[in-house]
Amino acid sequence: MGNAQSPSSDPRYASACRAFTQHYLEELKSLFASLAAKSQSNGQYISPSVFQSYFGLNGPLGERMFDLITQQRHDHKLTFQDLVIAKATYEKGANNEIEEFLYRLLDVNGDGIVGGLILNPL
């Protein structure tokens, strides 16, 4: 392998794997395989539409979540490594890691500013 995406060369993936039991990783791999099959990607990745449909996140929120989980590569390919890293961050991460993930999710313009909602008065 030897490329930047191989599990042995990505310390975030190695660290994320240690956050879960082997049994949980196998279950996650099974889920990934199922969703990748629906994505018609020869088992290589999950497409944005399948991701959004499975997790019930449609529209801008689903697109933003997909971008964050795929580390903003914009290649429309969510890999198993991406999934493990994201789940480790928001399920097992320290409070500051979880807060950073949520902040980045809400920073829709990518400018470091989370703006307030504009509500229309009734």
C-alpha atoms as a PDB file:
ATOM      1  CA  MET A   1       0.000   0.000   0.000  1.00  0.00           C
ATOM      2  CA  GLY A   2       2.216   2.837   1.249  1.00  0.00           C
ATOM      3  CA  ASN A   3      -0.127   5.660   0.234  1.00  0.00           C
ATOM      4  CA  ALA A   4      -1.477   8.343   2.528  1.00  0.00           C
ATOM      5  CA  GLN A   5      -4.763   6.473   2.917  1.00  0.00           C
ATOM      6  CA  SER A   6      -3.312   3.165   4.154  1.00  0.00           C
ATOM      7  CA  PRO A   7      -4.273   2.329   7.734  1.00  0.00           C
ATOM      8  CA  SER A   8      -0.645   1.932   8.784  1.00  0.00           C
ATOM      9  CA  SER A   9       0.294   5.479   7.756  1.00  0.00           C
ATOM     10  CA  ASP A  10      -2.653   7.420   9.186  1.00  0.00           C
ATOM     11  CA  PRO A  11      -2.157   7.960  12.924  1.00  0.00           C
ATOM     12  CA  ARG A  12      -5.730   9.297  13.317  1.00  0.00           C
ATOM     13  CA  TYR A  13      -7.138   6.020  12.021  1.00  0.00           C
ATOM     14  CA  ALA A  14      -4.846   3.922  14.221  1.00  0.00           C
ATOM     15  CA  SER A  15      -5.829   5.990  17.253  1.00  0.00           C
ATOM     16  CA  ALA A  16      -9.525   5.823  16.351  1.00  0.00           C
ATOM     17  CA  CYS A  17      -9.392   2.031  16.048  1.00  0.00           C
ATOM     18  CA  ARG A  18      -8.043   1.790  19.593  1.00  0.00           C
ATOM     19  CA  ALA A  19     -11.181   3.574  20.847  1.00  0.00           C
ATOM     20  CA  PHE A  20     -13.373   0.585  19.918  1.00  0.00           C
ATOM     21  CA  THR A  21     -13.473  -3.139  20.573  1.00  0.00           C
ATOM     22  CA  GLN A  22     -12.609  -5.495  17.737  1.00  0.00           C
ATOM     23  CA  HIS A  23     -16.219  -6.698  17.754  1.00  0.00           C
ATOM     24  CA  TYR A  24     -17.524  -3.148  17.308  1.00  0.00           C
ATOM     25  CA  LEU A  25     -15.061  -2.515  14.457  1.00  0.00           C
ATOM     26  CA  GLU A  26     -16.298  -5.685  12.742  1.00  0.00           C
ATOM     27  CA  GLU A  27     -19.908  -4.498  13.089  1.00  0.00           C
ATOM     28  CA  LEU A  28     -18.912  -1.118  11.707  1.00  0.00           C
ATOM     29  CA  LYS A  29     -17.128  -2.805   8.803  1.00  0.00           C
ATOM     30  CA  SER A  30     -20.294  -4.792   8.065  1.00  0.00           C
ATOM     31  CA  LEU A  31     -22.394  -1.606   8.071  1.00  0.00           C
ATOM     32  CA  PHE A  32     -19.843   0.083   5.836  1.00  0.00           C
ATOM     33  CA  ALA A  33     -19.903  -2.849   3.381  1.00  0.00           C
ATOM     34  CA  SER A  34     -23.696  -2.723   3.216  1.00  0.00           C
ATOM     35  CA  LEU A  35     -23.786   1.020   2.575  1.00  0.00           C
ATOM     36  CA  ALA A  36     -20.889   0.836   0.098  1.00  0.00           C
ATOM     37  CA  ALA A  37     -22.783  -1.856  -1.825  1.00  0.00           C
ATOM     38  CA  LYS A  38     -25.790   0.469  -2.052  1.00  0.00           C
ATOM     39  CA  SER A  39     -23.413   3.170  -3.291  1.00  0.00           C
ATOM     40  CA  GLN A  40     -22.392   0.929  -6.202  1.00  0.00           C
ATOM     41  CA  SER A  41     -18.719   1.582  -5.443  1.00  0.00           C
ATOM     42  CA  ASN A  42     -17.409  -1.992  -5.508  1.00  0.00           C
ATOM     43  CA  GLY A  43     -17.250  -1.826  -1.711  1.00  0.00           C
ATOM     44  CA  GLN A  44     -14.762   1.042  -1.726  1.00  0.00           C
ATOM     45  CA  TYR A  45     -16.762   3.964  -0.347  1.00  0.00           C
ATOM     46  CA  ILE A  46     -20.168   5.318   0.684  1.00  0.00           C
ATOM     47  CA  SER A  47     -21.717   7.929  -1.603  1.00  0.00           C
ATOM     48  CA  PRO A  48     -23.233  11.164  -0.260  1.00  0.00           C
ATOM     49  CA  SER A  49     -26.788  10.158  -1.193  1.00  0.00           C
ATOM     50  CA  VAL A  50     -26.565   6.772   0.558  1.00  0.00           C
ATOM     51  CA  PHE A  51     -24.978   8.388   3.621  1.00  0.00           C
ATOM     52  CA  GLN A  52     -27.681  11.049   3.830  1.00  0.00           C
ATOM     53  CA  SER A  53     -30.464   8.528   3.326  1.00  0.00           C
ATOM     54  CA  TYR A  54     -29.155   6.086   5.948  1.00  0.00           C
ATOM     55  CA  PHE A  55     -28.562   8.718   8.624  1.00  0.00           C
ATOM     56  CA  GLY A  56     -31.662  10.776   7.737  1.00  0.00           C
ATOM     57  CA  LEU A  57     -29.626  13.927   7.152  1.00  0.00           C
ATOM     58  CA  ASN A  58     -30.825  15.513   3.947  1.00  0.00           C
ATOM     59  CA  GLY A  59     -30.071  18.896   2.456  1.00  0.00           C
ATOM     60  CA  PRO A  60     -27.391  21.291   3.671  1.00  0.00           C
ATOM     61  CA  LEU A  61     -26.921  19.596   7.065  1.00  0.00           C
ATOM     62  CA  GLY A  62     -26.359  16.211   5.428  1.00  0.00           C
ATOM     63  CA  GLU A  63     -23.953  17.717   2.924  1.00  0.00           C
ATOM     64  CA  ARG A  64     -22.020  19.508   5.667  1.00  0.00           C
ATOM     65  CA  MET A  65     -21.816  16.368   7.821  1.00  0.00           C
ATOM     66  CA  PHE A  66     -20.586  14.329   4.841  1.00  0.00           C
ATOM     67  CA  ASP A  67     -17.919  16.943   4.078  1.00  0.00           C
ATOM     68  CA  LEU A  68     -16.681  16.924   7.673  1.00  0.00           C
ATOM     69  CA  ILE A  69     -16.571  13.154   7.910  1.00  0.00           C
ATOM     70  CA  THR A  70     -14.685  12.881   4.626  1.00  0.00           C
ATOM     71  CA  GLN A  71     -12.226  15.477   5.949  1.00  0.00           C
ATOM     72  CA  GLN A  72     -13.414  17.961   3.322  1.00  0.00           C
ATOM     73  CA  ARG A  73     -11.755  16.108   0.430  1.00  0.00           C
ATOM     74  CA  HIS A  74     -14.789  16.882  -1.779  1.00  0.00           C
ATOM     75  CA  ASP A  75     -14.282  13.605  -3.673  1.00  0.00           C
ATOM     76  CA  HIS A  76     -17.775  12.295  -2.726  1.00  0.00           C
ATOM     77  CA  LYS A  77     -16.217   9.149  -1.204  1.00  0.00           C
ATOM     78  CA  LEU A  78     -16.648   8.268   2.454  1.00  0.00           C
ATOM     79  CA  THR A  79     -14.113   5.543   3.255  1.00  0.00           C
ATOM     80  CA  PHE A  80     -14.106   3.077   6.127  1.00  0.00           C
ATOM     81  CA  GLN A  81     -11.240   5.026   7.680  1.00  0.00           C
ATOM     82  CA  ASP A  82     -13.289   8.234   7.502  1.00  0.00           C
ATOM     83  CA  LEU A  83     -16.178   6.514   9.261  1.00  0.00           C
ATOM     84  CA  VAL A  84     -14.011   5.102  12.056  1.00  0.00           C
ATOM     85  CA  ILE A  85     -12.251   8.426  12.645  1.00  0.00           C
ATOM     86  CA  ALA A  86     -15.535  10.357  12.763  1.00  0.00           C
ATOM     87  CA  LYS A  87     -17.260   7.889  15.078  1.00  0.00           C
ATOM     88  CA  ALA A  88     -14.263   7.843  17.406  1.00  0.00           C
ATOM     89  CA  THR A  89     -14.329  11.642  17.512  1.00  0.00           C
ATOM     90  CA  TYR A  90     -17.987  12.154  18.316  1.00  0.00           C
ATOM     91  CA  GLU A  91     -18.578   8.969  20.328  1.00  0.00           C
ATOM     92  CA  LYS A  92     -15.317   8.510  22.219  1.00  0.00           C
ATOM     93  CA  GLY A  93     -13.526  11.830  21.870  1.00  0.00           C
ATOM     94  CA  ALA A  94     -12.661  14.257  24.628  1.00  0.00           C
ATOM     95  CA  ASN A  95     -15.126  17.081  25.218  1.00  0.00           C
ATOM     96  CA  ASN A  96     -12.966  19.549  23.306  1.00  0.00           C
ATOM     97  CA  GLU A  97     -12.811  17.178  20.286  1.00  0.00           C
ATOM     98  CA  ILE A  98     -16.580  16.763  20.269  1.00  0.00           C
ATOM     99  CA  GLU A  99     -17.106  20.513  20.657  1.00  0.00           C
ATOM    100  CA  GLU A 100     -14.686  21.207  17.772  1.00  0.00           C
ATOM    101  CA  PHE A 101     -16.546  18.704  15.562  1.00  0.00           C
ATOM    102  CA  LEU A 102     -19.899  20.339  16.358  1.00  0.00           C
ATOM    103  CA  TYR A 103     -18.484  23.825  15.896  1.00  0.00           C
ATOM    104  CA  ARG A 104     -17.117  22.868  12.481  1.00  0.00           C
ATOM    105  CA  LEU A 105     -20.500  21.349  11.596  1.00  0.00           C
ATOM    106  CA  LEU A 106     -22.279  24.598  12.487  1.00  0.00           C
ATOM    107  CA  ASP A 107     -19.688  26.828  10.780  1.00  0.00           C
ATOM    108  CA  VAL A 108     -21.434  26.423   7.433  1.00  0.00           C
ATOM    109  CA  ASN A 109     -19.415  29.156   5.727  1.00  0.00           C
ATOM    110  CA  GLY A 110     -16.103  27.769   6.925  1.00  0.00           C
ATOM    111  CA  ASP A 111     -15.086  31.195   8.170  1.00  0.00           C
ATOM    112  CA  GLY A 112     -14.669  30.346  11.853  1.00  0.00           C
ATOM    113  CA  ILE A 113     -17.906  32.133  12.769  1.00  0.00           C
ATOM    114  CA  VAL A 114     -21.127  30.464  13.831  1.00  0.00           C
ATOM    115  CA  GLY A 115     -23.886  32.969  13.109  1.00  0.00           C
ATOM    116  CA  GLY A 116     -27.221  33.201  14.817  1.00  0.00           C
ATOM    117  CA  LEU A 117     -30.444  32.037  13.270  1.00  0.00           C
ATOM    118  CA  ILE A 118     -32.720  34.596  11.713  1.00  0.00           C
ATOM    119  CA  LEU A 119     -36.274  33.841  12.651  1.00  0.00           C
ATOM    120  CA  ASN A 120     -39.261  35.360  10.944  1.00  0.00           C
ATOM    121  CA  PRO A 121     -41.707  36.839  13.436  1.00  0.00           C
ATOM    122  CA  LEU A 122     -45.212  35.476  13.262  1.00  0.00           C
END
